[in-house]
Amino acid sequence: MSFYREKRHPWISQHEPHLKNIESGKELIARINSKYPQAHSSLAWVIDLDSTLFCTGPRNKEIFRSYLHFLKQQQEVPAIWFEALDKMDALKQSFSIRESLEWALVDHGISVEKAKHESFEIWKAFQLYWEHHFFSSEFMFHDLPYPGAVEFVNEIWNQGFQIVYLTGRDVARSLEGTRASLTEHKFPVGDRTELVLKPRFRWSMEDAEFKEEASQDIARRYEVVCSLDNEPENLHVFAKYFPKSEIVLFHSIMSQRVPETSILDLMGNRELLVLQNFH
């Protein structure tokens, strides 16, 4: 499974001299084990879901497919929109759905200029539908775990660590689908695991605000040994509240949001890690 990794992000550019690549999940686990040779349930790994354990590209594509069929029942849909669906790579998508649509149209043979224009037209019509369905349990079963992610999480669980799945999904729309997806793909659930979602609808608070609030609670209950996320702004939160934790960016896709302050001010003597692959 080959997936897209964002390399144009300003946070990566700013911190590149300070980033230490970790090539595999085994390497990261060995790093933690060297510091914590005796795992137990008071020691926790905090791990994000979307674009960290799960590739959400297939979910995006199926939501777009659903939207086009919904729209077709009400009006004529430009053929080029279905062509964009046909060429949309479920695994190689940008964080920006609009940009992913542009790439799909270029792959279909459309000029870059026309593809950019048409992708804006599609996204203008599709955005609200996408926002209402992306965090719906209805579509979460389309997600695919990144290669080795299931084995990685099971390995740290089998060693005796607590697993805290910390996600910006919300309880009202996402809890059922999240539990089903984790179970279906054989991630650890139940004993020595915890699933932390936004208690209110997604729009009630920003992800970083929610993860800050949740991290304070997690820090009161566990010693966090490693925290893993694909969004730099969440890593800043973890660095602040988990002073002994390894801070790890999973290198997949990410929004263009950049924290105003440098994470280096929060790291102390810790290295800033980038995990390239789980397997």
Protein backbone atom coordinates (compact mmCIF):
# COMPACT_ATOMS: atom_id res chain seq x y z
CA MET A 1 0.00 0.00 0.00
CA SER A 2 1.60 3.22 -1.20
CA PHE A 3 0.16 6.44 0.24
CA TYR A 4 0.74 10.17 -0.12
CA ARG A 5 3.03 11.98 2.33
CA GLU A 6 2.88 15.75 2.63
CA LYS A 7 6.32 17.29 2.12
CA ARG A 8 5.37 20.90 1.39
CA HIS A 9 4.21 21.77 4.89
CA PRO A 10 5.80 24.90 6.41
CA TRP A 11 6.13 23.23 9.83
CA ILE A 12 8.30 20.51 8.30
CA SER A 13 10.42 23.14 6.54
CA GLN A 14 10.85 25.13 9.75
CA HIS A 15 11.85 22.12 11.85
CA GLU A 16 13.71 20.02 9.29
CA PRO A 17 17.14 20.46 10.97
CA HIS A 18 15.64 19.16 14.22
CA LEU A 19 13.66 16.20 12.87
CA LYS A 20 14.92 12.68 13.49
CA ASN A 21 13.51 10.03 11.17
CA ILE A 22 12.29 6.77 12.64
CA GLU A 23 11.98 4.34 9.76
CA SER A 24 9.73 1.70 11.34
CA GLY A 25 7.37 0.96 14.18
CA LYS A 26 9.81 -1.65 15.50
CA GLU A 27 12.48 1.04 15.82
CA LEU A 28 10.10 3.29 17.75
CA ILE A 29 8.99 0.47 20.06
CA ALA A 30 12.62 -0.43 20.76
CA ARG A 31 13.31 3.19 21.65
CA ILE A 32 10.46 3.20 24.19
CA ASN A 33 11.42 -0.20 25.58
CA SER A 34 14.95 1.01 26.27
CA LYS A 35 13.47 3.66 28.58
CA TYR A 36 10.59 1.57 29.97
CA PRO A 37 11.68 -2.10 30.04
CA GLN A 38 8.80 -2.98 32.38
CA ALA A 39 5.52 -2.03 30.72
CA HIS A 40 2.35 -1.73 32.79
CA SER A 41 -1.08 -0.14 32.53
CA SER A 42 -0.09 3.15 34.17
CA LEU A 43 2.22 3.81 31.20
CA ALA A 44 0.33 4.95 28.11
CA TRP A 45 0.79 5.44 24.41
CA VAL A 46 -1.46 8.21 23.04
CA ILE A 47 -2.30 7.61 19.38
CA ASP A 48 -4.45 9.52 16.89
CA LEU A 49 -6.71 7.72 14.39
CA ASP A 50 -7.44 9.71 11.21
CA SER A 51 -4.36 9.89 8.96
CA THR A 52 -2.28 8.29 11.74
CA LEU A 53 -3.55 4.74 12.14
CA PHE A 54 -6.11 4.95 9.32
CA CYS A 55 -5.80 6.21 5.77
CA THR A 56 -9.02 8.16 5.20
CA GLY A 57 -8.65 8.51 1.42
CA PRO A 58 -11.05 5.64 0.69
CA ARG A 59 -13.63 7.31 2.97
CA ASN A 60 -13.29 10.58 1.05
CA LYS A 61 -13.76 8.82 -2.27
CA GLU A 62 -16.88 6.98 -1.13
CA ILE A 63 -18.40 10.17 0.27
CA PHE A 64 -17.78 11.84 -3.10
CA ARG A 65 -19.39 8.87 -4.87
CA SER A 66 -22.40 9.11 -2.57
CA TYR A 67 -22.66 12.85 -3.21
CA LEU A 68 -22.64 12.47 -6.99
CA HIS A 69 -25.38 9.84 -6.91
CA PHE A 70 -27.40 12.02 -4.53
CA LEU A 71 -26.95 15.02 -6.82
CA LYS A 72 -27.81 13.02 -9.94
CA GLN A 73 -31.29 12.36 -8.56
CA GLN A 74 -31.97 16.09 -8.50
CA GLN A 75 -30.14 17.60 -11.46
CA GLU A 76 -27.81 16.91 -14.34
CA VAL A 77 -24.25 16.38 -13.14
CA PRO A 78 -21.32 17.35 -15.40
CA ALA A 79 -19.65 14.23 -16.81
CA ILE A 80 -16.26 15.60 -15.78
CA TRP A 81 -17.29 15.26 -12.12
CA PHE A 82 -17.76 11.50 -12.56
CA GLU A 83 -14.43 11.41 -14.39
CA ALA A 84 -12.84 13.01 -11.33
CA LEU A 85 -14.38 10.25 -9.18
CA ASP A 86 -13.09 7.57 -11.53
CA LYS A 87 -9.51 8.87 -11.38
CA MET A 88 -9.49 9.83 -7.69
CA ASP A 89 -6.78 7.70 -6.07
CA ALA A 90 -8.15 6.45 -2.75
CA LEU A 91 -4.69 6.15 -1.23
CA LYS A 92 -2.83 9.11 -2.71
CA GLN A 93 -4.77 12.15 -1.61
CA SER A 94 -3.80 15.51 -0.22
CA PHE A 95 -5.32 16.80 3.02
CA SER A 96 -7.16 19.17 0.66
CA ILE A 97 -10.04 17.37 -1.07
CA ARG A 98 -10.08 20.16 -3.63
CA GLU A 99 -6.45 19.47 -4.50
CA SER A 100 -7.09 15.72 -4.69
CA LEU A 101 -9.88 16.40 -7.20
CA GLU A 102 -7.49 18.54 -9.22
CA TRP A 103 -4.93 15.72 -9.30
CA ALA A 104 -7.63 13.28 -10.42
CA LEU A 105 -8.68 15.52 -13.30
CA VAL A 106 -5.08 16.00 -14.43
CA ASP A 107 -4.68 12.21 -14.40
CA HIS A 108 -7.74 12.08 -16.64
CA GLY A 109 -5.91 14.22 -19.19
CA ILE A 110 -7.41 17.61 -18.31
CA SER A 111 -5.05 20.58 -18.49
CA VAL A 112 -3.72 21.81 -15.15
CA GLU A 113 -5.45 25.16 -15.53
CA LYS A 114 -8.83 23.62 -16.36
CA ALA A 115 -8.42 20.97 -13.65
CA LYS A 116 -7.76 23.62 -11.03
CA HIS A 117 -10.82 25.62 -12.11
CA GLU A 118 -13.09 22.58 -12.25
CA SER A 119 -11.87 21.23 -8.89
CA PHE A 120 -12.84 24.54 -7.25
CA GLU A 121 -16.31 24.26 -8.80
CA ILE A 122 -16.73 20.70 -7.55
CA TRP A 123 -15.47 21.51 -4.06
CA LYS A 124 -17.72 24.56 -3.80
CA ALA A 125 -20.71 22.28 -4.36
CA PHE A 126 -19.38 19.23 -2.47
CA GLN A 127 -17.83 20.79 0.65
CA LEU A 128 -20.94 21.01 2.82
CA TYR A 129 -21.95 17.42 2.00
CA TRP A 130 -18.42 16.23 2.80
CA GLU A 131 -18.35 18.12 6.12
CA HIS A 132 -21.60 16.49 7.19
CA HIS A 133 -20.50 12.97 6.28
CA PHE A 134 -16.75 12.69 6.91
CA PHE A 135 -17.23 12.05 10.64
CA SER A 136 -20.34 9.94 10.16
CA SER A 137 -20.12 6.31 11.27
CA GLU A 138 -21.78 5.43 7.95
CA PHE A 139 -18.55 5.84 5.97
CA MET A 140 -15.81 4.90 8.45
CA PHE A 141 -15.72 1.25 7.42
CA HIS A 142 -14.07 2.39 4.18
CA ASP A 143 -10.92 3.47 6.05
CA LEU A 144 -7.82 1.31 5.65
CA PRO A 145 -5.16 0.92 8.35
CA TYR A 146 -1.73 2.03 7.19
CA PRO A 147 0.57 -0.94 6.53
CA GLY A 148 1.76 -2.43 9.81
CA ALA A 149 -0.42 -0.18 11.99
CA VAL A 150 -2.49 -3.05 13.40
CA GLU A 151 0.56 -5.13 14.25
CA PHE A 152 2.29 -2.08 15.74
CA VAL A 153 -0.52 -1.27 18.17
CA ASN A 154 -1.01 -4.92 19.10
CA GLU A 155 2.68 -5.23 19.87
CA ILE A 156 2.71 -2.36 22.36
CA TRP A 157 -0.59 -3.58 23.88
CA ASN A 158 0.78 -7.10 24.24
CA GLN A 159 3.77 -5.70 26.11
CA GLY A 160 1.40 -4.37 28.78
CA PHE A 161 1.09 -0.67 27.95
CA GLN A 162 -2.19 1.26 28.08
CA ILE A 163 -3.43 2.39 24.65
CA VAL A 164 -5.28 5.73 24.47
CA TYR A 165 -6.86 6.38 21.09
CA LEU A 166 -7.24 10.18 21.06
CA THR A 167 -9.23 11.43 18.07
CA GLY A 168 -11.00 14.58 16.92
CA ARG A 169 -14.01 12.49 15.93
CA ASP A 170 -17.10 13.15 18.03
CA VAL A 171 -19.18 10.83 20.18
CA ALA A 172 -22.54 11.69 18.61
CA ARG A 173 -21.68 10.79 15.03
CA SER A 174 -18.51 8.75 15.18
CA LEU A 175 -18.47 6.50 18.24
CA GLU A 176 -20.31 3.54 16.73
CA GLY A 177 -18.30 3.57 13.49
CA THR A 178 -15.00 4.06 15.30
CA ARG A 179 -15.54 1.11 17.62
CA ALA A 180 -16.66 -1.07 14.72
CA SER A 181 -13.68 -0.08 12.58
CA LEU A 182 -11.13 -0.72 15.32
CA THR A 183 -12.71 -4.10 16.06
CA GLU A 184 -13.03 -5.13 12.42
CA HIS A 185 -9.36 -4.43 11.72
CA LYS A 186 -8.31 -6.18 14.96
CA PHE A 187 -6.83 -3.23 16.80
CA PRO A 188 -6.84 -3.76 20.58
CA VAL A 189 -10.15 -2.69 22.17
CA GLY A 190 -11.52 -3.19 25.67
CA ASP A 191 -9.04 -4.02 28.41
CA ARG A 192 -6.12 -1.55 28.72
CA THR A 193 -7.46 0.62 25.93
CA GLU A 194 -9.35 3.87 26.01
CA LEU A 195 -11.16 5.69 23.21
CA VAL A 196 -11.34 9.46 23.70
CA LEU A 197 -13.55 11.44 21.30
CA LYS A 198 -14.99 14.93 21.39
CA PRO A 199 -17.94 14.81 23.79
CA ARG A 200 -19.94 17.23 21.64
CA PHE A 201 -20.33 17.66 17.89
CA ARG A 202 -17.10 18.16 15.98
CA TRP A 203 -17.78 21.86 15.30
CA SER A 204 -18.12 22.60 19.01
CA MET A 205 -14.34 23.04 19.38
CA GLU A 206 -11.15 22.95 17.35
CA ASP A 207 -9.13 19.73 17.39
CA ALA A 208 -6.14 21.28 19.17
CA GLU A 209 -8.43 22.80 21.82
CA PHE A 210 -10.10 19.42 22.39
CA LYS A 211 -6.80 17.55 22.50
CA GLU A 212 -5.41 20.08 24.97
CA GLU A 213 -8.36 19.52 27.29
CA ALA A 214 -8.17 15.74 26.86
CA SER A 215 -4.38 15.69 27.31
CA GLN A 216 -4.64 17.41 30.67
CA ASP A 217 -6.99 14.67 31.84
CA ILE A 218 -4.83 11.89 30.38
CA ALA A 219 -1.71 13.34 32.06
CA ARG A 220 -3.43 13.17 35.45
CA ARG A 221 -4.13 9.46 35.01
CA TYR A 222 -1.13 8.08 33.13
CA GLU A 223 2.53 8.63 32.47
CA VAL A 224 2.56 9.03 28.71
CA VAL A 225 5.59 7.37 27.14
CA CYS A 226 4.85 8.14 23.50
CA SER A 227 2.34 10.33 21.64
CA LEU A 228 1.73 9.95 17.93
CA ASP A 229 -0.22 12.22 15.58
CA ASN A 230 -0.12 13.50 11.99
CA GLU A 231 -0.89 17.13 12.93
CA PRO A 232 1.91 19.42 14.19
CA GLU A 233 -0.46 21.52 16.30
CA ASN A 234 -1.42 18.42 18.27
CA LEU A 235 2.23 17.54 18.83
CA HIS A 236 2.66 20.96 20.46
CA VAL A 237 -0.12 20.05 22.89
CA PHE A 238 1.48 16.69 23.68
CA ALA A 239 4.90 18.26 24.20
CA LYS A 240 3.33 20.66 26.69
CA TYR A 241 1.36 18.15 28.78
CA PHE A 242 3.38 14.94 28.41
CA PRO A 243 6.87 15.99 29.57
CA LYS A 244 8.37 12.48 29.45
CA SER A 245 6.73 11.39 26.22
CA GLU A 246 8.44 10.85 22.91
CA ILE A 247 6.77 13.28 20.50
CA VAL A 248 6.22 11.63 17.13
CA LEU A 249 4.82 12.95 13.86
CA PHE A 250 3.40 10.21 11.64
CA HIS A 251 4.38 11.32 8.16
CA SER A 252 1.19 11.16 6.12
CA ILE A 253 -1.07 14.10 5.27
CA MET A 254 -1.65 17.19 7.38
CA SER A 255 -3.60 20.42 7.34
CA GLN A 256 -1.82 23.68 6.62
CA ARG A 257 -2.35 24.90 10.17
CA VAL A 258 0.93 25.96 11.80
CA PRO A 259 1.26 26.74 15.53
CA GLU A 260 2.35 30.29 16.29
CA THR A 261 5.12 29.24 18.67
CA SER A 262 7.95 26.78 18.16
CA ILE A 263 7.58 23.27 19.54
CA LEU A 264 11.29 23.33 20.35
CA ASP A 265 10.52 25.59 23.33
CA LEU A 266 8.48 22.72 24.80
CA MET A 267 10.79 19.81 24.00
CA GLY A 268 13.55 20.27 26.58
CA ASN A 269 16.21 17.69 25.76
CA ARG A 270 13.85 15.49 23.76
CA GLU A 271 14.31 14.78 20.07
CA LEU A 272 11.51 15.55 17.64
CA LEU A 273 10.69 12.28 15.87
CA VAL A 274 9.10 11.54 12.50
CA LEU A 275 7.76 8.03 11.98
CA GLN A 276 7.89 7.06 8.30
CA ASN A 277 6.27 3.61 8.45
CA PHE A 278 4.69 1.27 10.96
CA HIS A 279 5.97 -1.90 9.31
